Amino acid sequence: MSPARLRVGVVLVFLWWIPVWLAAPLIAEAFGLDGHDVLVALVVVQTFVGLAGVLVIGRQVARIMTGIPARRMLPTVWRVFRRGTLDGPGQPAPGPPSVGPAG
């Protein structure tokens, strides 16, 4: 589970939603290209970026889901996205059990 990958996936999905195709006529005019070809290229690249984001998010959420119940998925994913940890505000961090002094 990687909070950085989860965040990168979210950024890629947001890039997918931005209407970049509106810039196709400007790009085509600036570089002397056909507007339709530029439009198709932008849509294809943007679609691949979005699908990569969905794949990254899905893999991270699947890793998170292995250790929690389904009804706790959304709050846990949100916590990992914001804080970078699976631990809740009142839960101790997982780690080795503490062993007292031998005596």
Protein backbone atom coordinates (compact mmCIF):
# COMPACT_ATOMS: atom_id res chain seq x y z
CA MET A 1 0.00 0.00 0.00
CA SER A 2 1.49 3.29 -1.12
CA PRO A 3 -0.14 6.64 -0.36
CA ALA A 4 2.00 8.28 -3.04
CA ARG A 5 0.72 5.90 -5.71
CA LEU A 6 -2.85 6.48 -4.58
CA ARG A 7 -2.34 10.23 -4.90
CA VAL A 8 -0.69 9.88 -8.32
CA GLY A 9 -3.65 7.80 -9.49
CA VAL A 10 -6.08 10.47 -8.32
CA VAL A 11 -4.10 13.17 -10.15
CA LEU A 12 -4.14 11.08 -13.34
CA VAL A 13 -7.91 10.64 -13.10
CA PHE A 14 -8.35 14.39 -12.60
CA LEU A 15 -6.20 14.99 -15.70
CA TRP A 16 -8.55 12.66 -17.54
CA TRP A 17 -11.53 14.85 -16.63
CA ILE A 18 -9.98 18.14 -17.77
CA PRO A 19 -11.34 19.01 -21.24
CA VAL A 20 -7.92 19.20 -22.94
CA TRP A 21 -9.55 18.54 -26.30
CA LEU A 22 -10.77 22.15 -26.29
CA ALA A 23 -7.17 23.22 -26.92
CA ALA A 24 -6.91 21.12 -30.11
CA PRO A 25 -7.61 24.01 -32.52
CA LEU A 26 -5.03 26.21 -30.78
CA ILE A 27 -2.39 23.48 -30.82
CA ALA A 28 -3.12 22.65 -34.44
CA GLU A 29 -2.84 26.28 -35.48
CA ALA A 30 0.37 26.84 -33.50
CA PHE A 31 2.15 23.85 -35.05
CA GLY A 32 0.50 23.89 -38.48
CA LEU A 33 -1.21 20.53 -38.04
CA ASP A 34 -4.64 19.23 -38.97
CA GLY A 35 -7.12 20.05 -36.19
CA HIS A 36 -8.91 16.70 -36.40
CA ASP A 37 -5.65 14.74 -36.04
CA VAL A 38 -4.64 16.79 -33.03
CA LEU A 39 -8.07 16.29 -31.47
CA VAL A 40 -7.90 12.52 -31.91
CA ALA A 41 -4.36 12.40 -30.53
CA LEU A 42 -5.33 14.43 -27.46
CA VAL A 43 -8.37 12.26 -26.76
CA VAL A 44 -6.35 9.05 -27.11
CA VAL A 45 -3.52 10.26 -24.85
CA GLN A 46 -5.95 11.63 -22.29
CA THR A 47 -7.87 8.34 -22.25
CA PHE A 48 -4.69 6.34 -21.65
CA VAL A 49 -3.70 8.72 -18.83
CA GLY A 50 -7.11 8.27 -17.19
CA LEU A 51 -7.10 4.51 -17.55
CA ALA A 52 -3.62 4.38 -16.03
CA GLY A 53 -4.93 6.42 -13.10
CA VAL A 54 -7.87 4.08 -12.60
CA LEU A 55 -5.52 1.09 -12.71
CA VAL A 56 -3.18 2.64 -10.12
CA ILE A 57 -6.07 3.59 -7.83
CA GLY A 58 -7.65 0.16 -8.18
CA ARG A 59 -4.46 -1.65 -7.27
CA GLN A 60 -3.94 0.51 -4.20
CA VAL A 61 -7.54 0.16 -3.03
CA ALA A 62 -7.33 -3.62 -3.53
CA ARG A 63 -4.25 -3.71 -1.29
CA ILE A 64 -6.02 -1.61 1.34
CA MET A 65 -9.13 -3.82 1.20
CA THR A 66 -7.23 -6.98 2.09
CA GLY A 67 -7.06 -6.01 5.73
CA ILE A 68 -10.32 -4.18 6.45
CA PRO A 69 -14.06 -4.90 6.24
CA ALA A 70 -15.89 -3.65 3.16
CA ARG A 71 -17.98 -1.12 5.07
CA ARG A 72 -14.79 0.62 6.30
CA MET A 73 -13.30 0.93 2.80
CA LEU A 74 -14.21 4.52 1.96
CA PRO A 75 -13.08 6.08 5.27
CA THR A 76 -9.88 4.04 5.20
CA VAL A 77 -9.03 4.97 1.61
CA TRP A 78 -9.73 8.63 2.41
CA ARG A 79 -7.45 8.41 5.48
CA VAL A 80 -4.66 6.85 3.43
CA PHE A 81 -5.10 9.52 0.76
CA ARG A 82 -4.99 12.41 3.25
CA ARG A 83 -2.65 11.18 6.00
CA GLY A 84 -0.74 8.36 4.36
CA THR A 85 -1.54 5.78 7.02
CA LEU A 86 -4.06 3.03 7.68
CA ASP A 87 -4.25 3.91 11.36
CA GLY A 88 -7.37 5.63 12.61
CA PRO A 89 -7.22 8.63 14.93
CA GLY A 90 -7.75 6.50 18.04
CA GLN A 91 -5.99 3.34 16.92
CA PRO A 92 -2.40 2.46 17.76
CA ALA A 93 0.01 1.91 14.92
CA PRO A 94 0.58 -1.75 14.07
CA GLY A 95 3.96 -3.01 15.09
CA PRO A 96 5.72 -5.64 17.11
CA PRO A 97 4.24 -6.27 20.54
CA SER A 98 6.07 -4.52 23.33
CA VAL A 99 7.94 -6.82 25.65
CA GLY A 100 8.66 -5.72 29.17
CA PRO A 101 12.03 -6.14 30.86
CA ALA A 102 12.96 -9.69 31.69
CA GLY A 103 13.08 -10.21 35.33
